[in-house]
Amino acid sequence: MKTIGVWRSVARTDRGKIRARNEDAFLENPKKGIWAVADGMGGYQRGDIASGLIVASLAELPAQSDFDERIKGVRQCLSWLNRRLSQELTVVAGRQDEIIGSTVVTLLIEGSRAVCIWAGDSRCYLWREQRLYQLTRDHSLRQQLIDEHRMDDRQAWAHPHSAALTRAVGASEQLNLDVLEFVVHPADVFLLCSDGLHQDLSRESLGRALSLPAPESALTRLFEEVLGGPARDNLTGLVIRQ
């Protein structure tokens, strides 16, 4: 295998055409090998506070020489934020039933090792050898209905509450994170994005954009396609490649 070189990335976020404010946030730090997208829970108060707090806290994590310690640090950080959002900020808001939460998807890369850590329906995609892989699995009612074989894909999408999240930072007392570790190949391209981006794009559209040689061109293509449509939600994307 060839030596894994320096990663470069580009990020962009947009309010979209309908929402009054942008509750998405992102972290882009190729030098430290960490990227993240957080999407404040739509329909609730202070989603922008939750997503902003997540990326700010991840950005402040101390540099660790050991990759396993870095993974542990991210998990501990998100668990601590979950307790803070689900307990402290809810009390401050003055309503015990108010949810202040956010999805999160984080990518860490060091050498040939990478790990994706997530909760919610923000996604991480991998473009490798002209094939698109969705590395994350949505924590949503839609995906749960499909996994439990209660509905097929078409029926699940038509369900009135299909977009409801089953996991998110701040949504419950205990945070259950999914973690996927894998080996990086030199020509790999990654896309981290909120559901406002991926829900309006086909796999073919994603693949065509990520096959472009420059991350800037890929992200521009993705945003142009989504903003050319209804763009009902905030949208955020991060494209990462060497």
Protein backbone atom coordinates (compact mmCIF):
# COMPACT_ATOMS: atom_id res chain seq x y z
CA MET A 1 0.00 0.00 0.00
CA LYS A 2 1.20 3.51 -0.78
CA THR A 3 2.05 5.89 2.03
CA ILE A 4 -0.95 7.85 3.29
CA GLY A 5 -0.25 11.55 2.73
CA VAL A 6 -1.67 14.80 4.05
CA TRP A 7 -5.42 15.20 3.87
CA ARG A 8 -7.11 18.31 2.50
CA SER A 9 -10.72 19.25 2.96
CA VAL A 10 -13.36 21.83 2.26
CA ALA A 11 -16.55 22.57 4.18
CA ARG A 12 -19.72 24.53 3.52
CA THR A 13 -23.03 25.14 5.26
CA ASP A 14 -26.21 26.85 4.10
CA ARG A 15 -29.51 27.77 5.75
CA GLY A 16 -31.49 26.46 2.78
CA LYS A 17 -34.64 28.08 1.43
CA ILE A 18 -37.17 27.46 4.20
CA ARG A 19 -35.58 27.48 7.65
CA ALA A 20 -35.31 30.78 9.49
CA ARG A 21 -31.87 29.96 10.90
CA ASN A 22 -29.03 27.51 10.40
CA GLU A 23 -28.77 24.92 13.18
CA ASP A 24 -25.96 22.95 11.50
CA ALA A 25 -22.31 23.27 12.54
CA PHE A 26 -19.07 21.68 11.38
CA LEU A 27 -15.49 21.09 12.47
CA GLU A 28 -12.70 20.98 9.87
CA ASN A 29 -9.16 20.40 11.08
CA PRO A 30 -7.09 18.36 8.60
CA LYS A 31 -3.85 19.05 10.53
CA LYS A 32 -5.23 17.22 13.57
CA GLY A 33 -7.06 14.69 11.40
CA ILE A 34 -10.53 15.39 12.78
CA TRP A 35 -13.73 16.45 11.04
CA ALA A 36 -17.33 16.58 12.25
CA VAL A 37 -20.84 17.64 11.27
CA ALA A 38 -23.58 18.32 13.82
CA ASP A 39 -27.22 19.03 13.01
CA GLY A 40 -29.31 20.66 15.76
CA MET A 41 -32.57 18.80 16.18
CA GLY A 42 -35.22 20.45 13.99
CA GLY A 43 -38.44 21.54 15.62
CA TYR A 44 -36.84 22.04 19.02
CA GLN A 45 -35.40 25.12 20.70
CA ARG A 46 -31.68 25.87 20.74
CA GLY A 47 -30.63 23.34 18.13
CA ASP A 48 -27.91 25.76 17.06
CA ILE A 49 -26.56 25.87 20.62
CA ALA A 50 -26.34 22.09 20.77
CA SER A 51 -24.58 21.68 17.42
CA GLY A 52 -22.24 24.59 18.09
CA LEU A 53 -21.31 23.25 21.51
CA ILE A 54 -20.51 19.83 20.04
CA VAL A 55 -18.10 21.05 17.36
CA ALA A 56 -16.48 23.59 19.71
CA SER A 57 -15.87 20.91 22.35
CA LEU A 58 -14.45 18.45 19.81
CA ALA A 59 -12.14 21.18 18.48
CA GLU A 60 -10.74 21.78 21.97
CA LEU A 61 -9.78 18.15 22.59
CA PRO A 62 -6.08 17.88 23.45
CA ALA A 63 -3.75 16.29 20.93
CA GLN A 64 -3.04 12.66 21.77
CA SER A 65 -0.11 10.71 20.38
CA ASP A 66 -2.04 7.45 20.70
CA PHE A 67 -4.90 6.99 18.22
CA ASP A 68 -6.89 4.79 20.58
CA GLU A 69 -6.71 7.53 23.20
CA ARG A 70 -8.03 10.02 20.64
CA ILE A 71 -11.00 7.76 19.94
CA LYS A 72 -11.63 7.41 23.67
CA GLY A 73 -11.42 11.19 24.06
CA VAL A 74 -14.06 11.83 21.39
CA ARG A 75 -16.44 9.29 22.93
CA GLN A 76 -15.98 10.72 26.41
CA CYS A 77 -16.47 14.26 25.12
CA LEU A 78 -19.75 13.38 23.40
CA SER A 79 -21.00 11.47 26.44
CA TRP A 80 -20.20 14.43 28.68
CA LEU A 81 -22.02 16.77 26.29
CA ASN A 82 -24.99 14.43 26.26
CA ARG A 83 -25.28 14.70 30.04
CA ARG A 84 -24.91 18.47 29.91
CA LEU A 85 -27.48 18.94 27.16
CA SER A 86 -30.01 16.47 28.57
CA GLN A 87 -29.78 17.75 32.14
CA GLU A 88 -28.20 21.15 32.74
CA LEU A 89 -29.37 23.09 29.68
CA THR A 90 -32.88 21.66 29.89
CA VAL A 91 -33.21 23.01 33.42
CA VAL A 92 -31.80 26.39 32.37
CA ALA A 93 -34.36 26.56 29.58
CA GLY A 94 -37.06 26.45 32.25
CA ARG A 95 -38.88 23.45 30.80
CA GLN A 96 -38.23 19.90 31.88
CA ASP A 97 -39.76 18.50 28.69
CA GLU A 98 -37.70 20.58 26.28
CA ILE A 99 -35.11 18.69 24.26
CA ILE A 100 -31.87 20.42 23.35
CA GLY A 101 -30.05 18.01 21.08
CA SER A 102 -28.09 17.42 17.92
CA THR A 103 -26.88 14.68 15.65
CA VAL A 104 -23.14 14.24 15.25
CA VAL A 105 -20.86 12.39 12.86
CA THR A 106 -17.11 12.55 13.47
CA LEU A 107 -14.23 11.24 11.37
CA LEU A 108 -10.74 10.71 12.78
CA ILE A 109 -7.79 9.76 10.56
CA GLU A 110 -4.21 8.96 11.53
CA GLY A 111 -1.93 7.26 9.03
CA SER A 112 -3.82 4.33 7.58
CA ARG A 113 -6.29 4.14 10.50
CA ALA A 114 -9.65 5.85 10.53
CA VAL A 115 -12.69 5.76 12.75
CA CYS A 116 -16.19 7.13 12.33
CA ILE A 117 -18.26 7.90 15.44
CA TRP A 118 -21.88 8.97 15.19
CA ALA A 119 -25.36 9.37 16.64
CA GLY A 120 -28.35 10.44 14.55
CA ASP A 121 -28.83 10.72 10.80
CA SER A 122 -25.88 12.85 9.73
CA ARG A 123 -23.80 10.60 7.51
CA CYS A 124 -20.30 9.62 6.44
CA TYR A 125 -19.80 8.37 2.89
CA LEU A 126 -16.69 6.80 1.37
CA TRP A 127 -15.87 7.00 -2.34
CA ARG A 128 -13.37 4.23 -3.15
CA GLU A 129 -12.43 2.75 -6.54
CA GLN A 130 -15.46 4.31 -8.26
CA ARG A 131 -17.89 2.91 -5.69
CA LEU A 132 -19.90 4.74 -3.03
CA TYR A 133 -20.20 3.31 0.47
CA GLN A 134 -22.39 4.70 3.24
CA LEU A 135 -20.32 4.05 6.35
CA THR A 136 -22.91 5.24 8.85
CA ARG A 137 -26.36 3.82 9.50
CA ASP A 138 -29.10 6.32 10.34
CA HIS A 139 -30.48 6.35 13.87
CA SER A 140 -34.00 7.22 12.71
CA LEU A 141 -37.48 5.77 12.89
CA ARG A 142 -37.34 5.20 9.13
CA GLN A 143 -34.26 3.02 9.40
CA GLN A 144 -35.64 1.21 12.43
CA LEU A 145 -38.85 0.32 10.60
CA ILE A 146 -36.79 -1.07 7.71
CA ASP A 147 -34.39 -2.98 9.98
CA GLU A 148 -37.26 -4.57 11.88
CA HIS A 149 -38.88 -5.60 8.57
CA ARG A 150 -42.05 -3.75 9.51
CA MET A 151 -41.96 -1.68 6.31
CA ASP A 152 -40.08 -1.66 3.04
CA ASP A 153 -38.04 1.37 2.00
CA ARG A 154 -40.91 3.06 0.14
CA GLN A 155 -43.37 2.58 3.00
CA ALA A 156 -40.87 3.78 5.59
CA TRP A 157 -40.21 6.99 3.65
CA ALA A 158 -43.95 7.64 3.48
CA HIS A 159 -44.39 7.23 7.24
CA PRO A 160 -45.42 10.61 8.75
CA HIS A 161 -42.79 10.39 11.50
CA SER A 162 -40.07 8.67 9.50
CA ALA A 163 -37.53 11.44 10.08
CA ALA A 164 -37.77 11.18 13.88
CA LEU A 165 -34.40 10.40 15.44
CA THR A 166 -33.89 7.38 17.67
CA ARG A 167 -30.49 8.61 18.90
CA ALA A 168 -28.92 12.06 19.27
CA VAL A 169 -26.63 13.92 21.64
CA GLY A 170 -28.88 15.37 24.36
CA ALA A 171 -31.98 13.34 23.49
CA SER A 172 -31.78 10.90 26.42
CA GLU A 173 -29.84 10.30 29.63
CA GLN A 174 -27.64 7.62 28.05
CA LEU A 175 -25.87 8.18 24.73
CA ASN A 176 -25.28 5.11 22.60
CA LEU A 177 -22.67 5.92 19.96
CA ASP A 178 -21.88 3.78 16.94
CA VAL A 179 -18.19 3.36 16.13
CA LEU A 180 -16.71 2.04 12.90
CA GLU A 181 -12.96 1.60 12.51
CA PHE A 182 -11.40 0.81 9.14
CA VAL A 183 -8.24 1.02 7.04
CA VAL A 184 -7.75 4.02 4.77
CA HIS A 185 -6.61 3.68 1.14
CA PRO A 186 -4.57 6.50 -0.50
CA ALA A 187 -7.26 7.49 -3.05
CA ASP A 188 -10.18 7.48 -0.61
CA VAL A 189 -12.61 10.41 -0.60
CA PHE A 190 -14.96 11.09 2.31
CA LEU A 191 -18.15 13.10 2.63
CA LEU A 192 -19.60 14.09 5.99
CA CYS A 193 -23.02 15.71 5.71
CA SER A 194 -26.25 16.58 7.47
CA ASP A 195 -29.54 15.10 6.27
CA GLY A 196 -30.40 18.40 4.58
CA LEU A 197 -27.77 17.48 2.00
CA HIS A 198 -28.08 13.72 1.58
CA GLN A 199 -31.87 13.48 1.66
CA ASP A 200 -32.17 15.41 -1.61
CA LEU A 201 -29.42 13.57 -3.50
CA SER A 202 -29.34 10.17 -5.16
CA ARG A 203 -26.39 7.82 -4.77
CA GLU A 204 -25.56 8.52 -8.41
CA SER A 205 -25.41 12.25 -7.75
CA LEU A 206 -23.18 11.74 -4.72
CA GLY A 207 -20.85 9.47 -6.67
CA ARG A 208 -20.56 11.84 -9.64
CA ALA A 209 -19.60 14.71 -7.35
CA LEU A 210 -17.11 12.76 -5.24
CA SER A 211 -15.39 11.44 -8.37
CA LEU A 212 -14.27 14.99 -9.21
CA PRO A 213 -10.54 15.54 -8.52
CA ALA A 214 -10.85 18.65 -6.32
CA PRO A 215 -12.83 18.67 -3.05
CA GLU A 216 -13.97 22.22 -3.81
CA SER A 217 -15.50 21.11 -7.12
CA ALA A 218 -17.20 18.14 -5.45
CA LEU A 219 -18.80 20.25 -2.72
CA THR A 220 -19.88 22.94 -5.18
CA ARG A 221 -21.58 20.30 -7.34
CA LEU A 222 -23.45 18.86 -4.33
CA PHE A 223 -24.67 22.23 -3.07
CA GLU A 224 -25.72 23.45 -6.51
CA GLU A 225 -27.89 20.38 -6.96
CA VAL A 226 -29.59 20.66 -3.57
CA LEU A 227 -30.06 24.44 -3.71
CA GLY A 228 -31.49 24.05 -7.20
CA GLY A 229 -34.38 22.18 -5.57
CA PRO A 230 -36.64 22.90 -2.59
CA ALA A 231 -33.78 22.90 -0.01
CA ARG A 232 -36.26 22.65 2.86
CA ASP A 233 -33.60 22.04 5.50
CA ASN A 234 -30.23 23.39 6.54
CA LEU A 235 -27.46 21.66 4.61
CA THR A 236 -23.83 21.07 5.52
CA GLY A 237 -21.10 19.11 3.79
CA LEU A 238 -17.42 18.31 4.28
CA VAL A 239 -15.37 16.67 1.51
CA ILE A 240 -12.03 15.15 2.53
CA ARG A 241 -9.34 13.69 0.29
CA GLN A 242 -5.56 13.72 -0.24
